[in-house]
Amino acid sequence: MQDLIEEAVQAGWDETEVLTAIIEVADNLMLANVNNAELDALLRAMKRKLE
């Protein structure tokens, strides 16, 4: 992770921008995982009702 931050800073990003972007990506991934888990639970429930 530190390598990514250092490379981004060398490419012209401010360290705060890099860290903010990493947090934003992590947050979006977490939200997607929660939504996927909710969808999986809903699909399992529907499948049980159809069986």
Protein backbone atom coordinates (compact mmCIF):
# COMPACT_ATOMS: atom_id res chain seq x y z
CA MET A 1 0.00 0.00 0.00
CA GLN A 2 2.84 2.36 0.85
CA ASP A 3 4.31 1.75 -2.62
CA LEU A 4 1.01 2.78 -4.21
CA ILE A 5 0.94 5.97 -2.15
CA GLU A 6 4.55 6.81 -2.98
CA GLU A 7 4.02 6.18 -6.70
CA ALA A 8 0.91 8.35 -6.75
CA VAL A 9 2.76 11.18 -4.99
CA GLN A 10 5.62 10.86 -7.48
CA ALA A 11 3.04 11.08 -10.28
CA GLY A 12 1.90 14.44 -8.94
CA TRP A 13 -0.88 13.57 -6.50
CA ASP A 14 -0.96 15.22 -3.10
CA GLU A 15 -0.69 12.64 -0.29
CA THR A 16 -4.06 13.75 1.09
CA GLU A 17 -5.64 13.18 -2.33
CA VAL A 18 -4.16 9.70 -2.52
CA LEU A 19 -5.38 8.73 0.93
CA THR A 20 -8.82 10.19 0.23
CA ALA A 21 -9.05 8.21 -3.01
CA ILE A 22 -8.02 5.00 -1.25
CA ILE A 23 -10.64 5.55 1.45
CA GLU A 24 -13.29 6.27 -1.20
CA VAL A 25 -12.47 3.07 -3.08
CA ALA A 26 -12.52 1.05 0.16
CA ASP A 27 -15.88 2.56 1.12
CA ASN A 28 -17.38 1.79 -2.28
CA LEU A 29 -16.10 -1.80 -2.13
CA MET A 30 -17.58 -2.23 1.35
CA LEU A 31 -20.95 -0.89 0.22
CA ALA A 32 -20.91 -3.18 -2.81
CA ASN A 33 -20.12 -6.18 -0.61
CA VAL A 34 -23.00 -5.33 1.74
CA ASN A 35 -25.37 -4.99 -1.21
CA ASN A 36 -24.14 -8.29 -2.65
CA ALA A 37 -24.70 -10.04 0.68
CA GLU A 38 -28.22 -8.63 0.91
CA LEU A 39 -28.98 -9.71 -2.65
CA ASP A 40 -27.59 -13.20 -2.01
CA ALA A 41 -29.79 -13.54 1.08
CA LEU A 42 -32.84 -12.39 -0.87
CA LEU A 43 -32.14 -14.81 -3.72
CA ARG A 44 -31.66 -17.71 -1.27
CA ALA A 45 -34.98 -16.87 0.41
CA MET A 46 -36.76 -16.73 -2.95
CA LYS A 47 -35.20 -20.03 -4.00
CA ARG A 48 -36.39 -21.71 -0.77
CA LYS A 49 -39.93 -20.44 -1.40
CA LEU A 50 -39.88 -21.84 -4.93
CA GLU A 51 -38.71 -25.28 -3.84
